[in-house]
Protein backbone atom coordinates (compact mmCIF):
# COMPACT_ATOMS: atom_id res chain seq x y z
CA MET A 1 17.59 -10.00 10.98
CA ASN A 2 19.69 -13.10 11.68
CA LYS A 3 20.69 -11.70 15.05
CA LEU A 4 17.07 -11.01 15.93
CA ARG A 5 16.09 -14.54 14.88
CA GLY A 6 18.86 -15.83 17.10
CA LEU A 7 17.09 -14.36 20.13
CA LEU A 8 14.26 -16.90 19.84
CA PRO A 9 15.81 -19.50 22.21
CA LEU A 10 15.97 -16.84 24.92
CA TYR A 11 12.19 -16.55 25.02
CA PHE A 12 11.88 -20.31 25.53
CA VAL A 13 14.41 -20.15 28.36
CA ILE A 14 12.34 -17.45 30.02
CA PHE A 15 9.07 -19.31 29.37
CA PHE A 16 10.18 -22.52 31.08
CA GLY A 17 11.80 -20.58 33.92
CA PHE A 18 8.48 -18.91 34.66
CA VAL A 19 6.65 -22.23 34.23
CA GLY A 20 8.79 -23.59 37.04
CA PHE A 21 8.04 -20.67 39.34
CA SER A 22 4.30 -20.78 38.55
CA LEU A 23 4.36 -24.45 39.51
CA MET A 24 5.82 -23.58 42.90
CA ILE A 25 2.82 -21.36 43.62
CA THR A 26 0.38 -23.91 42.20
CA ILE A 27 1.83 -27.08 43.77
CA PHE A 28 3.47 -25.97 47.01
CA THR A 29 0.36 -24.26 48.39
CA PRO A 30 -2.01 -27.27 48.55
CA MET A 31 0.91 -29.55 49.39
CA MET A 32 2.04 -27.59 52.43
CA LEU A 33 -1.50 -27.07 53.69
CA SER A 34 -2.46 -30.73 53.26
CA VAL A 35 -2.18 -33.00 56.27
CA GLN A 36 -1.84 -36.01 53.97
CA SER A 37 1.08 -34.70 51.89
CA GLY A 38 3.72 -35.91 54.35
CA MET A 39 5.92 -32.85 53.85
CA LEU A 40 5.17 -31.75 57.42
CA PRO A 41 4.08 -33.79 60.45
CA ALA A 42 0.31 -34.31 60.46
CA VAL A 43 0.02 -32.56 63.82
CA THR A 44 1.48 -29.30 62.44
CA PRO A 45 -1.13 -26.56 62.98
CA THR A 46 -2.47 -24.57 60.03
CA SER A 47 -0.87 -21.32 61.21
CA SER A 48 2.57 -22.96 61.17
CA ARG A 49 1.90 -24.47 57.75
CA ILE A 50 1.02 -21.04 56.34
CA PHE A 51 4.15 -19.50 57.86
CA ILE A 52 6.42 -22.23 56.45
CA LEU A 53 4.69 -21.96 53.07
CA GLY A 54 5.39 -18.23 53.02
CA ILE A 55 9.08 -18.84 53.65
CA LEU A 56 9.23 -21.58 51.02
CA LEU A 57 7.64 -19.41 48.33
CA ALA A 58 9.93 -16.49 49.22
CA LEU A 59 13.15 -18.46 48.75
CA TYR A 60 13.10 -18.53 44.93
CA PRO A 61 12.58 -14.76 44.44
CA LEU A 62 15.07 -14.13 47.26
CA GLY A 63 17.64 -16.13 45.33
CA GLN A 64 16.82 -14.13 42.20
CA PHE A 65 17.19 -10.89 44.14
CA LEU A 66 20.71 -11.85 45.21
CA GLY A 67 21.87 -13.64 42.07
CA SER A 68 20.52 -11.66 39.12
CA PRO A 69 22.78 -8.58 39.45
CA VAL A 70 25.86 -10.74 39.93
CA LEU A 71 25.21 -12.91 36.89
CA GLY A 72 24.14 -9.86 34.92
CA ALA A 73 27.48 -8.18 35.67
CA PHE A 74 29.32 -11.38 34.77
CA SER A 75 27.53 -11.44 31.40
CA ASP A 76 28.88 -7.93 30.71
CA HIS A 77 32.40 -9.23 31.33
CA TYR A 78 32.40 -12.79 30.00
CA GLY A 79 29.63 -12.51 27.38
CA ARG A 80 25.93 -13.35 27.36
CA ARG A 81 26.23 -16.85 25.88
CA LYS A 82 28.72 -18.28 28.37
CA ILE A 83 26.92 -17.01 31.48
CA LEU A 84 23.52 -17.97 30.09
CA ILE A 85 24.67 -21.55 29.53
CA LEU A 86 26.16 -21.81 33.02
CA SER A 87 23.06 -20.23 34.57
CA LEU A 88 20.70 -22.53 32.69
CA LEU A 89 22.81 -25.59 33.50
CA ALA A 90 22.72 -24.79 37.21
CA THR A 91 18.99 -24.04 37.12
CA THR A 92 18.31 -27.37 35.39
CA VAL A 93 20.29 -29.27 38.02
CA PHE A 94 18.48 -27.54 40.88
CA TYR A 95 15.08 -28.35 39.38
CA PHE A 96 16.17 -31.98 39.45
CA PHE A 97 16.75 -31.63 43.19
CA ILE A 98 13.40 -29.86 43.65
CA ALA A 99 11.67 -32.84 42.03
CA TRP A 100 13.79 -35.27 44.06
CA ALA A 101 13.02 -33.44 47.31
CA LEU A 102 9.30 -33.76 46.57
CA MET A 103 9.75 -37.46 45.85
CA ILE A 104 11.47 -38.15 49.17
CA LYS A 105 9.39 -35.52 51.04
CA SER A 106 12.41 -33.57 52.30
CA LEU A 107 11.40 -30.02 53.20
CA TRP A 108 14.96 -28.87 53.89
CA LEU A 109 16.24 -30.12 50.51
CA LEU A 110 13.24 -28.51 48.83
CA MET A 111 13.97 -25.17 50.48
CA LEU A 112 17.67 -25.30 49.60
CA ALA A 113 17.03 -26.33 45.99
CA SER A 114 14.38 -23.61 45.55
CA PHE A 115 16.74 -20.92 46.83
CA LEU A 116 19.64 -22.12 44.66
CA ALA A 117 17.38 -22.35 41.59
CA GLY A 118 16.46 -18.71 42.13
CA LEU A 119 20.08 -17.76 42.77
CA SER A 120 21.17 -19.23 39.44
CA GLU A 121 18.15 -17.89 37.55
CA ALA A 122 19.35 -14.78 35.73
CA ASN A 123 17.81 -15.64 32.40
CA VAL A 124 15.54 -12.58 32.17
CA ALA A 125 18.39 -10.17 32.94
CA ILE A 126 20.74 -11.84 30.46
CA ALA A 127 18.00 -11.95 27.81
CA GLN A 128 17.33 -8.25 28.24
CA GLY A 129 21.05 -7.55 27.96
CA ALA A 130 21.29 -9.67 24.80
CA ILE A 131 18.31 -7.91 23.24
CA ALA A 132 19.83 -4.53 24.06
CA ASP A 133 23.05 -5.64 22.31
CA VAL A 134 21.43 -6.25 18.91
CA THR A 135 18.44 -3.89 18.76
CA THR A 136 17.79 -0.19 18.44
CA ASP A 137 15.83 2.04 20.80
CA ASN A 138 12.89 1.90 18.37
CA ASN A 139 12.19 -1.82 18.65
CA ARG A 140 13.77 -2.62 22.01
CA ASN A 141 10.55 -1.98 23.95
CA ARG A 142 8.62 -4.35 21.69
CA LEU A 143 11.21 -7.11 22.10
CA PHE A 144 11.33 -6.53 25.86
CA GLY A 145 7.55 -6.92 25.76
CA TYR A 146 7.98 -10.41 24.31
CA ILE A 147 9.89 -11.32 27.47
CA TYR A 148 6.88 -10.53 29.64
CA MET A 149 4.61 -12.23 27.11
CA SER A 150 6.70 -15.39 27.55
CA GLY A 151 6.36 -15.12 31.32
CA SER A 152 2.62 -14.48 31.12
CA SER A 153 2.09 -17.46 28.83
CA ALA A 154 3.90 -19.59 31.39
CA TYR A 155 1.40 -18.54 34.05
CA ILE A 156 -1.34 -20.12 31.92
CA PHE A 157 0.56 -23.23 30.88
CA GLY A 158 2.18 -23.96 34.26
CA PRO A 159 -0.85 -24.04 36.56
CA LEU A 160 -3.18 -25.74 34.06
CA VAL A 161 -0.74 -28.48 33.00
CA GLY A 162 1.00 -28.78 36.35
CA GLY A 163 -2.26 -29.13 38.22
CA LYS A 164 -3.20 -32.11 36.07
CA LEU A 165 0.23 -33.75 36.31
CA ALA A 166 0.08 -33.56 40.10
CA ASP A 167 -3.34 -35.21 40.31
CA PRO A 168 -3.09 -38.96 41.09
CA ASN A 169 -6.77 -39.34 40.26
CA LEU A 170 -5.86 -39.01 36.57
CA LEU A 171 -2.96 -41.47 36.67
CA SER A 172 -1.88 -43.37 39.75
CA TRP A 173 1.80 -42.44 39.35
CA PHE A 174 1.13 -38.68 39.16
CA ASN A 175 2.24 -36.79 42.30
CA TYR A 176 3.54 -33.40 43.42
CA ALA A 177 6.94 -34.11 41.86
CA THR A 178 5.70 -35.04 38.37
CA PRO A 179 5.36 -31.46 37.02
CA PHE A 180 8.87 -30.61 38.18
CA TRP A 181 10.32 -33.67 36.46
CA LEU A 182 8.73 -32.36 33.26
CA VAL A 183 10.27 -28.90 33.77
CA PHE A 184 13.66 -30.53 34.41
CA ILE A 185 13.45 -32.41 31.09
CA LEU A 186 12.27 -29.34 29.16
CA LEU A 187 15.02 -27.15 30.64
CA ALA A 188 17.60 -29.77 29.65
CA LEU A 189 16.31 -29.71 26.06
CA VAL A 190 16.39 -25.91 25.94
CA LEU A 191 19.93 -25.98 27.33
CA LEU A 192 21.01 -28.14 24.38
CA TRP A 193 19.23 -25.76 22.00
CA ILE A 194 21.12 -22.80 23.51
CA ILE A 195 24.47 -24.61 23.32
CA PHE A 196 24.10 -25.49 19.65
CA THR A 197 22.27 -22.45 18.24
CA PHE A 198 22.65 -19.34 20.40
CA LYS A 199 25.42 -16.98 19.30
CA GLU A 200 27.15 -14.35 21.40
CA THR A 201 25.43 -10.95 21.10
CA GLU A 202 27.86 -8.77 23.03
CA ASP A 203 30.51 -7.46 20.62
CA HIS A 204 32.21 -5.27 23.21
CA VAL A 205 32.77 -7.54 26.19
CA VAL A 206 34.50 -5.69 29.02
CA GLN A 207 38.15 -6.77 28.99
CA GLU A 208 39.51 -5.47 32.27
CA LYS A 209 39.68 -7.81 35.22
CA ILE A 210 36.33 -8.15 36.93
CA ASP A 211 35.99 -7.10 40.55
CA TYR A 212 34.11 -9.99 42.14
CA PHE A 213 33.35 -8.05 45.30
CA SER A 214 31.92 -5.26 43.18
CA ALA A 215 29.74 -7.76 41.33
CA LEU A 216 28.48 -9.21 44.59
CA THR A 217 27.63 -5.73 45.85
CA SER A 218 26.41 -4.32 42.54
CA LEU A 219 22.94 -3.83 44.01
CA ALA A 220 24.38 -0.78 45.75
CA SER A 221 24.49 0.92 42.35
CA ILE A 222 20.69 1.11 42.50
CA VAL A 223 21.29 3.92 44.99
CA THR A 224 24.75 5.16 44.00
CA ALA A 225 24.38 5.36 40.19
CA LYS A 226 23.30 8.98 39.85
CA HIS A 227 22.19 8.62 36.22
CA LEU A 228 19.97 5.62 37.01
CA ARG A 229 18.79 5.69 40.63
CA TYR A 230 15.73 7.81 39.89
CA LEU A 231 14.65 5.30 37.24
CA TYR A 232 15.29 2.41 39.66
CA PHE A 233 13.07 4.13 42.21
CA LEU A 234 10.26 4.68 39.70
CA ASP A 235 10.47 1.08 38.53
CA PHE A 236 10.26 -0.14 42.11
CA LEU A 237 7.03 1.83 42.62
CA PHE A 238 5.54 0.29 39.48
CA TYR A 239 6.69 -3.20 40.46
CA ILE A 240 5.27 -2.93 43.98
CA SER A 241 1.90 -2.04 42.45
CA ILE A 242 1.91 -4.61 39.64
CA TYR A 243 3.23 -7.62 41.52
CA GLY A 244 1.15 -6.71 44.55
CA PHE A 245 -1.93 -6.75 42.33
CA LEU A 246 -1.00 -10.13 40.85
CA ARG A 247 -0.69 -11.55 44.36
CA CYS A 248 -3.74 -9.91 45.94
CA TYR A 249 -6.49 -10.04 43.34
CA PRO A 250 -6.90 -13.86 43.65
CA MET A 251 -7.69 -13.34 47.35
CA TYR A 252 -10.27 -10.76 46.34
CA LEU A 253 -11.85 -13.22 43.92
CA VAL A 254 -12.17 -15.99 46.48
CA ASN A 255 -13.02 -14.02 49.60
CA GLY A 256 -14.83 -11.07 48.02
CA PHE A 257 -17.12 -13.11 45.77
CA HIS A 258 -16.80 -16.55 47.38
CA LEU A 259 -15.75 -18.09 44.09
CA SER A 260 -14.79 -21.74 43.88
CA VAL A 261 -11.29 -22.77 42.88
CA SER A 262 -12.58 -23.66 39.42
CA ALA A 263 -14.32 -20.31 38.93
CA SER A 264 -11.42 -18.24 40.24
CA SER A 265 -8.95 -20.13 38.04
CA GLU A 266 -10.92 -18.98 34.98
CA PHE A 267 -10.37 -15.35 35.99
CA ILE A 268 -6.70 -16.04 36.74
CA ALA A 269 -6.22 -17.48 33.26
CA TRP A 270 -8.18 -14.54 31.80
CA VAL A 271 -5.75 -12.04 33.34
CA ALA A 272 -2.86 -13.52 31.35
CA VAL A 273 -4.68 -13.03 28.03
CA PRO A 274 -4.43 -9.20 27.82
CA ILE A 275 -0.84 -9.38 29.09
CA ILE A 276 0.03 -11.59 26.13
CA LEU A 277 -1.89 -9.42 23.69
CA GLY A 278 -0.37 -6.22 25.08
CA ASN A 279 3.18 -7.46 24.76
CA LEU A 280 2.62 -9.13 21.41
CA TRP A 281 1.53 -5.96 19.63
CA LEU A 282 0.22 -3.02 21.65
CA THR A 283 3.46 -2.08 23.44
CA GLY A 284 5.45 -1.71 20.23
CA TYR A 285 2.62 0.13 18.50
CA LEU A 286 2.20 2.70 21.29
CA THR A 287 5.94 3.19 21.77
CA SER A 288 6.34 4.29 18.15
CA ARG A 289 3.70 6.98 18.68
CA LEU A 290 4.19 8.20 22.24
CA GLY A 291 7.80 7.50 23.15
CA VAL A 292 8.97 5.40 26.10
CA VAL A 293 8.79 8.08 28.81
CA GLN A 294 5.27 9.18 27.93
CA LEU A 295 4.07 5.60 27.48
CA THR A 296 5.48 4.50 30.85
CA ALA A 297 3.81 7.39 32.65
CA LEU A 298 0.46 6.84 30.90
CA SER A 299 0.41 3.06 31.34
CA GLY A 300 1.46 3.38 34.97
CA LEU A 301 -1.33 5.87 35.64
CA LEU A 302 -3.93 3.65 33.97
CA THR A 303 -2.63 0.61 35.83
CA GLY A 304 -3.22 2.30 39.18
CA ILE A 305 -6.62 3.71 38.23
CA PHE A 306 -7.93 0.45 36.77
CA MET A 307 -6.64 -1.47 39.78
CA ILE A 308 -8.76 0.71 42.06
CA VAL A 309 -11.76 0.37 39.72
CA VAL A 310 -11.59 -3.43 40.12
CA VAL A 311 -13.02 -3.20 43.64
CA ILE A 312 -15.94 -0.88 42.78
CA PRO A 313 -18.50 -2.97 40.83
CA PRO A 314 -20.46 -5.35 43.10
CA ASN A 315 -21.28 -7.69 40.21
CA VAL A 316 -18.79 -10.51 39.70
CA ASN A 317 -19.28 -10.40 35.92
CA ALA A 318 -17.79 -6.89 35.85
CA LEU A 319 -14.45 -8.49 36.68
CA TRP A 320 -14.18 -9.76 33.11
CA ILE A 321 -13.81 -6.13 32.05
CA THR A 322 -11.99 -4.55 34.99
CA LEU A 323 -9.37 -7.30 35.25
CA PHE A 324 -8.83 -7.19 31.48
CA VAL A 325 -8.12 -3.45 31.27
CA THR A 326 -5.93 -3.54 34.40
CA SER A 327 -3.84 -6.37 32.98
CA LEU A 328 -3.59 -4.67 29.60
CA ALA A 329 -2.26 -1.49 31.21
CA LEU A 330 0.32 -3.29 33.36
CA ALA A 331 1.35 -5.36 30.31
CA VAL A 332 2.50 -2.11 28.70
CA CYS A 333 3.95 -0.62 31.88
CA LEU A 334 6.29 -3.52 32.73
CA PRO A 335 8.43 -3.56 29.57
CA SER A 336 8.24 0.22 29.18
CA SER A 337 9.71 0.82 32.63
CA ALA A 338 12.50 -1.71 31.94
CA THR A 339 13.21 -0.04 28.59
CA LEU A 340 13.66 3.33 30.33
CA LEU A 341 16.49 1.81 32.32
CA SER A 342 18.06 0.07 29.35
CA ILE A 343 18.12 3.22 27.23
CA ALA A 344 19.61 5.29 30.05
CA ALA A 345 22.33 2.72 30.83
CA ASN A 346 25.67 2.60 29.04
CA LYS A 347 26.29 -0.29 26.64
CA SER A 348 28.98 -1.78 28.87
CA GLU A 349 26.64 -1.99 31.88
CA GLN A 350 23.49 -3.43 30.25
CA GLY A 351 23.83 -6.84 31.94
CA ARG A 352 24.44 -5.38 35.38
CA VAL A 353 21.61 -2.85 35.09
CA MET A 354 19.12 -5.42 33.84
CA GLY A 355 20.26 -7.75 36.62
CA ASN A 356 19.58 -5.04 39.18
CA ASN A 357 16.20 -4.44 37.59
CA GLN A 358 15.37 -8.13 37.83
CA SER A 359 16.38 -8.04 41.49
CA LEU A 360 14.02 -5.13 42.05
CA GLN A 361 11.22 -7.20 40.58
CA ALA A 362 12.06 -10.14 42.84
CA LEU A 363 12.27 -7.86 45.89
CA SER A 364 8.98 -6.20 45.00
CA GLN A 365 7.25 -9.60 44.96
CA ALA A 366 8.24 -10.13 48.58
CA VAL A 367 7.56 -6.55 49.72
CA SER A 368 4.24 -6.25 47.91
CA GLY A 369 3.13 -9.59 49.31
CA VAL A 370 3.78 -8.36 52.85
CA ILE A 371 2.10 -5.00 52.22
CA GLY A 372 -0.88 -6.59 50.48
CA GLY A 373 -1.25 -9.25 53.15
CA ILE A 374 -1.24 -6.74 56.02
CA LEU A 375 -3.74 -4.48 54.28
CA ALA A 376 -5.94 -7.44 53.34
CA MET A 377 -6.27 -8.25 57.03
CA ILE A 378 -8.00 -4.86 57.37
CA SER A 379 -9.92 -4.95 54.09
CA LEU A 380 -9.53 -6.89 50.85
CA LYS A 381 -10.46 -3.81 48.84
CA LEU A 382 -7.97 -1.65 50.73
CA SER A 383 -5.03 -3.77 49.57
CA LEU A 384 -5.84 -3.24 45.87
CA ILE A 385 -6.62 0.45 46.37
CA ALA A 386 -3.36 1.13 48.21
CA LEU A 387 -1.28 -0.84 45.71
CA GLY A 388 -2.94 1.08 42.89
CA PHE A 389 -1.71 4.33 44.38
CA PHE A 390 1.91 3.11 44.13
CA ALA A 391 1.55 3.01 40.33
CA ILE A 392 -0.21 6.37 40.27
CA ALA A 393 2.59 7.90 42.35
CA GLY A 394 5.24 6.49 40.01
CA ALA A 395 3.39 7.84 36.96
CA ALA A 396 2.99 11.28 38.54
CA LEU A 397 6.66 11.51 39.46
CA LEU A 398 7.72 10.46 35.96
CA TYR A 399 5.34 12.95 34.33
CA PHE A 400 6.30 15.96 36.45
CA ARG A 401 9.99 15.07 36.58
CA PRO A 402 10.73 13.25 33.31
CA ALA A 403 13.51 10.70 33.41
CA ARG A 404 16.64 11.46 31.46
CA ALA A 405 16.48 8.40 29.25
């Protein structure tokens, strides 16, 4: 029980990490598209602004894609606590430079700091490894669910609070940098909490000398690890669908129903509610009755079906129901698919495997954004329908060829 209680700081680390990333989406978009922001020359055309914005928002997940497996492997060797502290320290410093870049309106510094913040951000992978160290298969899925609940809560807190802190109409000294200064301070406080209270969870730290080149290329094990590559592939299908949905449904709200920013933000906040509820209770409850393999297949199937159903009703009020059930299904699918990997992995490779899994999630955000964007140019509904079929395909493959977890 004491070990489980000691995991609490990890959820706060994850929460504030996701708050920072949600702020990037919330703040960078209007900033880069605004002629008055000063981040780009006023004469910069809109098409160029959109292109640069896309690159800027891709840098953080790109850094995560490259850094998570390396830091995850290091946590297997050196221990969770040491690598978590170093990772969080670096992340805190880079958020300082993000805020500073916004203050001095330096796009190049902002891009570099965003990439490095993502590169040092391995908190989710290390947290999953730490949870796997001290839990059993029976409650691991529930505790993994709390990770996604922390992230989902951040997507409510970040945009709502950050949007206010960036509004100079409320206070004259508020600007685009203000929310990031707050995240910097909060991360520094959490870092102190980790240093003074978090205990090492890995009792069997790998003793042999670490191969740094192997750590840097550990992503190759997604393909080469015969006992895990099928699960990696299934997870990637689920992640393409889920993260594609989270990126594309706001476009459907605005362009499909011509909702205002205020009205669409209510739906965006609503989507996070079932994700929190699902990870707080439903995931653990269903796992104890269905098992992880069956639950992953079922939740993946429902995620894809409900995602397609979203585009059917012509009445905007139907979205309160269709978005809720879609989000509830994906709230169960996300931690369940990660748990499949964790159970199948050996104890000595938990950090590396969870790091690879986190990289898959980061990569899927970029890939699904490209896929969804291209399909949305043809039809807004087509993007959600096609992304829904990725989840259905993953569920079908898992059902007809069960994973050896």
